[in-house]
Protein backbone atom coordinates (compact mmCIF):
# COMPACT_ATOMS: atom_id res chain seq x y z
CA MET A 1 53.05 -93.50 -10.35
CA PRO A 2 51.67 -90.09 -11.38
CA VAL A 3 51.56 -87.39 -8.72
CA ASP A 4 48.15 -86.07 -7.79
CA ARG A 5 49.00 -82.37 -7.47
CA GLY A 6 45.53 -81.62 -6.27
CA SER A 7 45.91 -83.82 -3.18
CA PRO A 8 46.70 -82.25 0.22
CA ILE A 9 49.88 -84.33 0.51
CA TRP A 10 51.68 -82.76 -2.45
CA PRO A 11 50.91 -79.03 -2.72
CA ARG A 12 50.54 -77.35 -6.09
CA PHE A 13 53.76 -75.38 -5.75
CA GLY A 14 55.55 -78.21 -7.48
CA PHE A 15 57.31 -80.54 -5.04
CA GLY A 16 56.64 -84.18 -5.69
CA PRO A 17 57.82 -87.35 -4.03
CA GLY A 18 61.45 -88.15 -4.62
CA TRP A 19 64.48 -86.04 -5.36
CA ARG A 20 64.47 -86.49 -9.12
CA THR A 21 61.92 -83.79 -9.89
CA THR A 22 63.26 -80.77 -11.73
CA THR A 23 61.85 -78.40 -9.10
CA VAL A 24 63.69 -80.14 -6.28
CA GLN A 25 66.90 -80.25 -8.33
CA ILE A 26 66.70 -76.50 -8.96
CA ALA A 27 66.07 -75.89 -5.25
CA VAL A 28 69.06 -78.07 -4.28
CA ILE A 29 71.37 -76.35 -6.77
CA VAL A 30 70.34 -72.88 -5.61
CA PHE A 31 70.61 -73.93 -1.96
CA ALA A 32 74.09 -75.41 -2.45
CA ALA A 33 75.30 -72.38 -4.41
CA LEU A 34 74.04 -69.89 -1.83
CA LEU A 35 75.36 -71.91 1.09
CA LEU A 36 78.78 -72.46 -0.47
CA THR A 37 79.10 -68.79 -1.44
CA SER A 38 78.09 -67.62 2.04
CA ALA A 39 80.42 -70.09 3.77
CA LEU A 40 83.41 -69.14 1.61
CA LEU A 41 82.73 -65.43 2.06
CA LEU A 42 82.34 -65.64 5.83
CA THR A 43 85.40 -67.89 6.18
CA PHE A 44 87.46 -65.49 4.11
CA ILE A 45 86.35 -62.53 6.21
CA GLY A 46 87.10 -64.42 9.44
CA ARG A 47 90.54 -65.52 8.27
CA LEU A 48 91.38 -62.03 7.07
CA THR A 49 90.31 -60.52 10.40
CA GLN A 50 92.34 -63.08 12.36
CA GLU A 51 95.41 -62.45 10.21
CA GLN A 52 95.05 -58.72 10.77
CA LEU A 53 94.84 -59.16 14.55
CA TYR A 54 98.01 -61.25 14.73
CA SER A 55 99.77 -59.02 12.23
CA ASP A 56 99.19 -56.02 14.51
CA ALA A 57 100.51 -58.00 17.52
CA ARG A 58 103.58 -59.11 15.55
CA THR A 59 104.32 -55.58 14.43
CA SER A 60 103.96 -54.20 17.98
CA VAL A 61 106.21 -56.85 19.62
CA THR A 62 108.86 -56.56 16.92
CA ARG A 63 108.90 -52.79 17.26
CA GLU A 64 109.34 -52.99 21.07
CA ARG A 65 112.13 -55.59 20.70
CA ASP A 66 114.00 -53.39 18.24
CA ALA A 67 113.63 -50.40 20.57
CA LEU A 68 115.03 -52.43 23.50
CA VAL A 69 117.93 -53.67 21.37
CA ALA A 70 118.73 -50.07 20.46
CA ASP A 71 118.68 -49.08 24.17
CA ILE A 72 121.03 -51.92 25.05
CA ALA A 73 123.39 -50.96 22.23
CA ARG A 74 123.33 -47.34 23.33
CA GLU A 75 123.31 -47.64 27.16
CA GLY A 76 124.90 -51.05 27.67
CA LEU A 77 123.62 -54.12 29.48
CA GLN A 78 123.99 -52.72 32.97
CA ALA A 79 122.15 -49.50 32.15
CA SER A 80 119.38 -51.45 30.46
CA ALA A 81 118.85 -53.80 33.40
CA GLN A 82 116.29 -51.42 34.91
CA VAL A 83 114.34 -51.38 31.62
CA ILE A 84 114.32 -55.17 31.52
CA ALA A 85 113.19 -55.33 35.15
CA ALA A 86 110.40 -52.85 34.43
CA GLU A 87 109.28 -54.86 31.43
CA SER A 88 109.28 -58.01 33.58
CA ASN A 89 106.68 -56.51 35.90
CA LEU A 90 104.28 -55.49 33.17
CA PRO A 91 101.16 -57.72 32.98
CA GLY A 92 100.94 -59.81 29.82
CA THR A 93 104.66 -59.40 29.11
CA ILE A 94 107.49 -61.89 29.08
CA ILE A 95 111.17 -60.91 28.72
CA LEU A 96 114.43 -62.78 29.00
CA LEU A 97 118.08 -61.85 28.49
CA THR A 98 120.67 -64.63 28.59
CA ALA A 99 124.46 -64.64 28.38
CA PRO A 100 126.27 -66.44 25.58
CA ASP A 101 126.68 -69.46 27.86
CA GLY A 102 122.91 -69.54 28.62
CA THR A 103 123.06 -67.90 32.05
CA ILE A 104 120.02 -65.75 32.76
CA VAL A 105 120.95 -62.10 32.98
CA GLY A 106 117.42 -60.75 33.58
CA GLY A 107 113.76 -61.26 32.85
CA ASN A 108 110.73 -63.12 34.16
CA LEU A 109 111.22 -66.52 32.49
CA ALA A 110 112.99 -69.39 34.24
CA ALA A 111 114.63 -70.64 31.04
CA TRP A 112 114.82 -70.09 27.33
CA PRO A 113 111.78 -71.81 25.73
CA ASP A 114 112.56 -75.17 24.16
CA GLY A 115 112.64 -75.27 20.39
CA LEU A 116 112.84 -71.50 20.06
CA GLY A 117 115.90 -70.27 18.22
CA ALA A 118 117.68 -67.02 18.94
CA ARG A 119 117.74 -65.75 15.39
CA ARG A 120 116.03 -62.46 14.70
CA GLY A 121 112.38 -63.42 14.19
CA PHE A 122 108.85 -63.78 15.55
CA ALA A 123 107.04 -66.86 16.84
CA ASN A 124 103.92 -67.92 18.70
CA ILE A 125 104.55 -69.95 21.88
CA THR A 126 102.56 -71.16 24.87
CA VAL A 127 103.87 -70.34 28.34
CA ALA A 128 102.76 -72.00 31.57
CA ARG A 129 101.36 -69.33 33.86
CA PRO A 130 99.76 -69.55 37.32
CA GLY A 131 96.31 -69.39 35.76
CA GLY A 132 97.14 -71.95 33.09
CA ASN A 133 98.80 -71.98 29.70
CA GLU A 134 98.78 -68.62 27.91
CA PRO A 135 99.64 -67.85 24.25
CA PHE A 136 102.35 -65.30 23.57
CA GLY A 137 103.79 -63.68 20.52
CA VAL A 138 107.58 -63.38 21.00
CA ALA A 139 110.34 -61.67 19.07
CA THR A 140 113.92 -62.90 19.56
CA THR A 141 117.35 -61.74 18.51
CA THR A 142 121.05 -62.31 19.26
CA LEU A 143 123.05 -59.26 20.27
CA ALA A 144 126.50 -58.45 18.90
CA ASP A 145 128.28 -59.81 21.99
CA GLY A 146 126.41 -63.12 21.91
CA HIS A 147 123.66 -62.31 24.44
CA ARG A 148 120.19 -63.50 23.48
CA LEU A 149 117.07 -61.39 23.96
CA LEU A 150 113.42 -62.51 24.02
CA LEU A 151 110.45 -60.14 24.29
CA GLY A 152 106.83 -61.24 24.13
CA ARG A 153 103.30 -59.99 24.61
CA SER A 154 100.27 -62.01 25.61
CA LEU A 155 97.92 -63.02 22.80
CA ALA A 156 95.11 -63.97 25.19
CA SER A 157 92.87 -61.13 24.06
CA GLU A 158 93.49 -61.98 20.40
CA ALA A 159 92.76 -65.64 21.14
CA ARG A 160 89.50 -64.70 22.86
CA LEU A 161 88.57 -62.43 19.97
CA THR A 162 89.44 -65.19 17.50
CA GLN A 163 87.27 -67.65 19.40
CA SER A 164 84.44 -65.13 19.50
CA LEU A 165 84.88 -64.52 15.78
CA ARG A 166 84.83 -68.28 15.13
CA THR A 167 81.60 -68.60 17.09
CA THR A 168 80.13 -65.68 15.20
CA LEU A 169 81.13 -67.21 11.89
CA ILE A 170 79.53 -70.53 12.79
CA THR A 171 76.35 -68.70 13.75
CA ALA A 172 76.46 -66.66 10.55
CA ILE A 173 76.93 -69.80 8.46
CA GLY A 174 73.93 -71.33 10.25
CA LEU A 175 71.86 -68.25 9.41
CA ALA A 176 73.16 -68.40 5.84
CA LEU A 177 72.04 -72.02 5.77
CA ILE A 178 68.52 -71.04 6.77
CA LEU A 179 68.49 -68.09 4.35
CA ALA A 180 69.74 -70.27 1.49
CA LEU A 181 67.07 -72.85 2.27
CA ILE A 182 64.30 -70.22 2.31
CA THR A 183 65.61 -68.52 -0.85
CA SER A 184 65.89 -71.80 -2.77
CA PHE A 185 62.40 -72.80 -1.65
CA ILE A 186 60.88 -69.47 -2.76
CA LEU A 187 62.75 -69.50 -6.08
CA ALA A 188 61.75 -73.08 -6.79
CA ARG A 189 58.16 -72.27 -5.92
CA LEU A 190 58.11 -69.23 -8.24
CA ILE A 191 59.60 -71.22 -11.12
CA SER A 192 57.25 -74.13 -10.47
CA ALA A 193 54.23 -71.82 -10.36
CA ARG A 194 55.11 -70.27 -13.74
CA VAL A 195 55.74 -73.65 -15.35
CA GLN A 196 52.62 -75.14 -13.76
CA ASN A 197 50.54 -72.27 -15.16
CA ILE A 198 51.85 -73.08 -18.65
CA ALA A 199 51.14 -76.78 -18.10
CA ASP A 200 47.60 -76.02 -16.89
CA VAL A 201 46.91 -73.85 -19.93
CA ALA A 202 48.33 -76.50 -22.27
CA GLY A 203 46.14 -79.13 -20.62
CA ALA A 204 43.06 -76.93 -20.87
CA VAL A 205 43.73 -76.18 -24.55
CA ALA A 206 44.28 -79.88 -25.23
CA ALA A 207 40.91 -80.53 -23.55
CA GLY A 208 39.22 -78.07 -25.94
CA ASP A 209 39.28 -74.76 -24.03
CA LEU A 210 40.95 -72.71 -26.77
CA GLY A 211 40.31 -69.43 -24.95
CA ARG A 212 42.76 -70.17 -22.11
CA ARG A 213 45.93 -68.07 -22.00
CA VAL A 214 49.13 -68.08 -19.95
CA ASP A 215 49.22 -65.45 -17.19
CA GLU A 216 51.35 -62.44 -18.13
CA PRO A 217 52.76 -59.90 -15.64
CA ALA A 218 50.59 -56.82 -15.23
CA LEU A 219 53.61 -54.50 -15.38
CA GLY A 220 55.11 -56.15 -18.44
CA GLY A 221 58.26 -57.94 -17.30
CA GLY A 222 61.09 -58.69 -19.65
CA ASP A 223 62.57 -61.99 -18.48
CA ALA A 224 62.58 -65.28 -20.37
CA PHE A 225 59.39 -66.53 -18.69
CA ASP A 226 57.49 -63.38 -19.71
CA ALA A 227 58.78 -63.66 -23.27
CA MET A 228 57.74 -67.32 -23.33
CA ALA A 229 54.28 -66.43 -21.97
CA ARG A 230 53.76 -63.80 -24.66
CA ALA A 231 54.99 -66.15 -27.39
CA LEU A 232 52.75 -68.97 -26.16
CA ASN A 233 49.74 -66.67 -25.96
CA ALA A 234 50.39 -65.42 -29.48
CA MET A 235 50.68 -69.03 -30.66
CA LEU A 236 47.47 -70.01 -28.85
CA GLY A 237 45.68 -67.02 -30.34
CA ARG A 238 46.84 -68.02 -33.80
CA ILE A 239 45.76 -71.62 -33.20
CA GLU A 240 42.35 -70.47 -32.01
CA ALA A 241 41.98 -68.24 -35.07
CA LEU A 242 43.01 -71.04 -37.44
CA ILE A 243 40.66 -73.53 -35.84
CA GLY A 244 37.91 -70.92 -36.04
CA GLU A 245 38.68 -70.48 -39.72
CA ILE A 246 38.61 -74.25 -40.21
CA ARG A 247 35.20 -74.41 -38.58
CA MET A 248 34.07 -71.50 -40.71
CA VAL A 249 35.42 -73.21 -43.84
CA THR A 250 33.64 -76.44 -43.08
CA ASP A 251 30.42 -74.57 -42.35
CA GLY A 252 30.84 -72.49 -45.50
CA LEU A 253 31.62 -75.52 -47.64
CA ALA A 254 28.66 -77.40 -46.20
CA HIS A 255 26.41 -74.43 -46.95
CA ASP A 256 27.80 -73.60 -50.41
CA LEU A 257 28.01 -77.21 -51.53
CA ARG A 258 24.40 -77.90 -50.63
CA SER A 259 22.91 -75.87 -53.50
CA PRO A 260 25.06 -77.22 -56.37
CA LEU A 261 24.79 -80.77 -55.02
CA THR A 262 21.01 -80.39 -54.78
CA ARG A 263 20.90 -79.19 -58.39
CA LEU A 264 23.14 -82.06 -59.47
CA LYS A 265 20.89 -84.57 -57.74
CA ALA A 266 17.81 -83.03 -59.34
CA ARG A 267 19.38 -83.27 -62.83
CA ILE A 268 20.47 -86.86 -62.22
CA ASP A 269 17.02 -87.82 -60.90
CA ARG A 270 15.39 -86.29 -63.97
CA LEU A 271 17.75 -88.22 -66.23
CA ALA A 272 16.97 -91.39 -64.28
CA ARG A 273 13.27 -90.84 -64.90
CA GLY A 274 13.94 -90.25 -68.60
CA GLU A 275 12.61 -86.70 -68.48
CA GLY A 276 14.02 -83.53 -69.99
CA ASP A 277 16.73 -82.94 -72.57
CA ILE A 278 19.63 -85.33 -71.97
CA SER A 279 22.27 -83.15 -73.59
CA GLU A 280 21.11 -80.08 -71.68
CA ASP A 281 21.08 -81.92 -68.36
CA VAL A 282 24.51 -83.46 -68.94
CA ALA A 283 25.93 -80.04 -69.82
CA ALA A 284 24.37 -78.58 -66.68
CA ILE A 285 25.81 -81.41 -64.58
CA GLY A 286 29.25 -80.71 -66.07
CA THR A 287 28.93 -77.03 -65.25
CA GLU A 288 27.94 -77.78 -61.64
CA ALA A 289 30.81 -80.27 -61.31
CA ASP A 290 33.29 -77.69 -62.63
CA ALA A 291 32.00 -75.17 -60.10
CA LEU A 292 32.38 -77.69 -57.30
CA LEU A 293 35.94 -78.56 -58.37
CA ALA A 294 36.84 -74.86 -58.60
CA MET A 295 35.47 -74.27 -55.10
CA LEU A 296 37.37 -77.21 -53.62
CA GLU A 297 40.62 -76.30 -55.38
CA ALA A 298 40.35 -72.68 -54.22
CA SER A 299 39.68 -73.82 -50.64
CA LEU A 300 42.66 -76.17 -50.74
CA GLU A 301 44.94 -73.49 -52.15
CA LEU A 302 43.75 -71.01 -49.52
CA SER A 303 44.47 -73.52 -46.74
CA ARG A 304 47.98 -74.18 -48.08
CA ILE A 305 48.73 -70.47 -48.25
CA GLU A 306 47.46 -69.83 -44.72
CA ALA A 307 49.68 -72.71 -43.52
CA GLY A 308 52.71 -70.77 -44.83
CA ILE A 309 53.46 -73.08 -47.76
CA GLY A 310 55.28 -71.13 -50.47
CA ARG A 311 57.70 -68.99 -48.46
CA ASP A 312 60.61 -71.14 -49.58
CA ALA A 313 59.97 -70.01 -53.18
CA PHE A 314 60.31 -66.28 -52.45
CA VAL A 315 62.59 -64.39 -54.86
CA MET A 316 63.34 -60.74 -55.55
CA LEU A 317 60.98 -59.49 -58.23
CA ASP A 318 59.79 -56.24 -59.78
CA VAL A 319 56.16 -55.76 -58.75
CA ALA A 320 55.67 -52.92 -61.24
CA ALA A 321 56.66 -55.15 -64.14
CA LEU A 322 54.44 -57.94 -62.77
CA VAL A 323 51.45 -55.58 -62.63
CA ARG A 324 52.06 -54.25 -66.13
CA ASP A 325 52.40 -57.73 -67.65
CA LEU A 326 49.28 -59.08 -65.96
CA ALA A 327 47.18 -56.01 -66.75
CA GLU A 328 48.21 -56.19 -70.43
CA MET A 329 47.02 -59.79 -70.50
CA TYR A 330 43.59 -58.68 -69.30
CA GLU A 331 43.25 -55.75 -71.73
CA PRO A 332 41.54 -57.81 -74.51
CA LEU A 333 39.05 -59.24 -72.02
CA ALA A 334 38.37 -55.76 -70.64
CA GLU A 335 37.71 -54.46 -74.17
CA ASP A 336 35.27 -57.30 -74.77
CA ASN A 337 33.42 -56.27 -71.61
CA GLY A 338 33.42 -52.62 -72.67
CA VAL A 339 35.72 -51.62 -69.79
CA ALA A 340 38.72 -49.31 -70.05
CA LEU A 341 41.73 -50.83 -68.27
CA ARG A 342 44.23 -48.25 -67.05
CA ILE A 343 47.72 -49.24 -65.88
CA ASN A 344 49.71 -47.04 -63.49
CA ALA A 345 52.84 -48.93 -62.43
CA ALA A 346 56.09 -47.04 -62.80
CA GLY A 347 59.04 -49.05 -61.59
CA PRO A 348 61.10 -50.77 -60.70
CA LEU A 349 59.48 -51.74 -57.36
CA ALA A 350 61.51 -54.61 -55.91
CA VAL A 351 60.02 -56.88 -53.24
CA SER A 352 60.68 -60.38 -51.98
CA GLY A 353 57.77 -62.63 -52.86
CA HIS A 354 56.24 -65.59 -54.65
CA ARG A 355 55.72 -64.59 -58.28
CA ASN A 356 52.91 -67.03 -59.04
CA LEU A 357 50.97 -66.33 -55.86
CA LEU A 358 51.20 -62.55 -56.28
CA SER A 359 50.05 -62.98 -59.87
CA ARG A 360 47.15 -65.12 -58.62
CA ALA A 361 46.13 -62.48 -56.08
CA LEU A 362 46.24 -59.68 -58.65
CA ALA A 363 44.37 -61.81 -61.19
CA ASN A 364 41.60 -62.46 -58.65
CA LEU A 365 41.23 -58.74 -58.00
CA ILE A 366 41.11 -57.91 -61.72
CA ASP A 367 38.59 -60.74 -62.32
CA ASN A 368 36.37 -59.34 -59.57
CA ALA A 369 36.63 -55.84 -60.98
CA LEU A 370 35.70 -57.06 -64.50
CA ARG A 371 32.85 -59.18 -63.11
CA TYR A 372 31.31 -56.51 -60.90
CA GLY A 373 32.44 -53.32 -62.65
CA ASN A 374 29.81 -51.59 -64.79
CA ALA A 375 30.12 -51.95 -68.55
CA GLY A 376 31.65 -48.84 -70.02
CA GLY A 377 33.41 -48.10 -66.75
CA ILE A 378 37.06 -47.79 -65.86
CA ILE A 379 39.32 -50.22 -63.99
CA GLU A 380 42.65 -48.92 -62.74
CA VAL A 381 45.50 -51.28 -61.85
CA ALA A 382 48.34 -49.50 -60.03
CA ALA A 383 51.56 -50.17 -58.15
CA ARG A 384 53.47 -47.53 -56.21
CA ALA A 385 56.13 -47.17 -53.53
CA THR A 386 55.03 -46.22 -49.99
CA ASN A 387 56.85 -45.32 -46.79
CA GLU A 388 56.42 -48.91 -45.56
CA GLY A 389 57.06 -50.74 -48.84
CA THR A 390 54.91 -51.24 -51.95
CA ALA A 391 51.15 -50.92 -52.56
CA ILE A 392 49.26 -52.73 -55.33
CA SER A 393 45.70 -51.59 -55.99
CA VAL A 394 42.76 -52.45 -58.27
CA SER A 395 39.87 -49.97 -58.52
CA ASP A 396 36.51 -50.36 -60.28
CA ARG A 397 33.45 -48.16 -60.73
CA GLY A 398 30.86 -50.82 -60.01
CA PRO A 399 28.26 -50.99 -57.20
CA GLY A 400 30.99 -51.55 -54.59
CA ILE A 401 30.57 -53.07 -51.15
CA ALA A 402 29.09 -51.28 -48.18
CA THR A 403 31.70 -50.41 -45.56
CA VAL A 404 29.88 -52.45 -42.91
CA ASN A 405 30.23 -55.53 -45.15
CA HIS A 406 33.98 -55.27 -45.80
CA GLY A 407 34.82 -57.76 -43.06
CA GLU A 408 32.22 -60.21 -44.33
CA ALA A 409 33.53 -59.88 -47.89
CA LEU A 410 37.04 -60.90 -46.80
CA ARG A 411 35.79 -63.95 -44.93
CA ARG A 412 35.78 -67.33 -46.63
CA PHE A 413 32.44 -67.78 -48.37
CA GLY A 414 31.45 -64.43 -46.92
CA ARG A 415 27.99 -63.38 -48.12
CA VAL A 416 27.32 -59.76 -49.05
CA ASP A 417 24.74 -58.21 -51.35
CA ALA A 418 23.66 -60.06 -54.45
CA ALA A 419 25.44 -57.58 -56.73
CA ARG A 420 28.76 -59.00 -55.59
CA ARG A 421 27.73 -62.67 -55.91
CA ALA A 422 27.38 -62.94 -59.68
CA GLY A 423 29.42 -66.06 -60.47
CA GLY A 424 32.61 -67.21 -58.81
CA VAL A 425 33.07 -69.35 -55.72
CA GLY A 426 33.29 -66.55 -53.15
CA LEU A 427 36.98 -67.05 -52.34
CA GLY A 428 38.71 -64.48 -54.53
CA LEU A 429 39.14 -61.76 -51.91
CA SER A 430 39.94 -64.14 -49.06
CA LEU A 431 42.54 -65.88 -51.23
CA ALA A 432 44.15 -62.55 -52.15
CA ALA A 433 44.14 -61.53 -48.46
CA ALA A 434 45.83 -64.81 -47.49
CA ILE A 435 48.53 -64.26 -50.13
CA ALA A 436 49.11 -60.76 -48.76
CA ARG A 437 49.48 -62.15 -45.22
CA LEU A 438 51.92 -64.81 -46.48
CA HIS A 439 54.11 -61.94 -47.71
CA GLY A 440 53.82 -60.11 -44.38
CA GLY A 441 51.39 -57.57 -45.84
CA THR A 442 47.71 -56.71 -45.65
CA LEU A 443 44.71 -56.42 -47.96
CA THR A 444 42.33 -53.51 -47.43
CA LEU A 445 38.96 -52.66 -48.99
CA ILE A 446 38.30 -48.95 -49.64
CA ASP A 447 35.15 -47.23 -50.87
CA ASN A 448 36.06 -45.84 -54.32
CA ARG A 449 32.96 -43.58 -54.53
CA PRO A 450 31.62 -45.21 -56.65
CA GLY A 451 32.96 -48.71 -56.79
CA LEU A 452 35.53 -50.60 -54.77
CA LYS A 453 39.26 -50.16 -54.39
CA VAL A 454 41.29 -53.12 -53.14
CA VAL A 455 44.83 -52.38 -51.87
CA ILE A 456 47.56 -54.92 -51.11
CA ASP A 457 50.33 -53.40 -48.97
CA LEU A 458 53.59 -55.34 -49.07
CA PRO A 459 56.43 -54.62 -46.58
CA ARG A 460 59.75 -53.24 -47.70
CA SER A 461 62.38 -55.88 -48.38
CA GLU A 462 65.84 -55.27 -46.87
CA ALA A 463 67.43 -56.88 -49.91
CA ALA A 464 65.64 -54.34 -52.10
């Protein structure tokens, strides 16, 4: 059954009932990794320390045995008897010298230890002492005349130190266990909190709160969670903007369709009553229908462009040649309107783009300039290279648009002064701006003093 994370039983840091939750699995993996690493490290250190202790004892006993063998070889057995007797009285020392037939010559052991050979070597043995069994490290050897020598030192202090080290290691592993548990819990809680924040924001957005955003670190972290938070916030911002545009489009369509539909209804009602000129009313109805179709087609095309449809058709093209060809097509229409059309597009200017869409954007700008530019004026169509890429511009000498209304003019169905509303469906600039954004560029309105200058900045293409 679903977990109620708001209940007091299961806190919001992410743990739920059962061990199959991702948070618990992460905590278990981290806990096991930390515990295993700590245990291996502490065990290695303990073993290395123990080996070093016994290595020092082995080196010391072997060195003393070799020194005693040298004394016996130099002074003889009788002269070395005093040395053996002195060694026998030292605490923590065992020594034994036997004849080739096994007879004890000197030392403090009653017999040669069972299972201990007389070859030159080192061994650990346990000797029964008055206080109990005691570990010894012994070095043995056979002299040239067949006598056997054993010399050993007590390893009781090393054994006590080893036991103390073992106890310390067990304690350290217990502390590592607690530390691993705390660390895994904190890490799992941090991860769960970040993921839960994303889940909460997603739930809020799904419920209609489009303004919610994922929490980002104040200092600007650089890990994967921070990158995901920034990407999600950018995506949510884009979604909010698109939904806002959809609402604006529906409102704009509802507003702009009301007038032509009202006129259509009035014409149809008049025809139904048998009033007016039939041919004139039918022609007017056709004109209104064409305007409605143009508005709907432009809105649909704008929506497709803003959805990113068309990027798969990008090719390398010469923008200067595109501008020259399109401007030459409009020259006869400009002459009919009494407007001088100037072309300033020296090339080549290579960019990656959609030829038809760029042509559509430029055609919209030229249409606007011809529609709103004063008769007898000048329209300049230009393309030039910039530091960032390529700029395409269309300038007219008409009434222009007030700077405060530039944002409104770029909005779908944006309404500015009546001088800029003569004909058209009110989507030319917004469509051109959408095409510019599809190409990674921008569209800017500039006061031409007098008139309006529209500039499309396209980014530089690496292939170019």
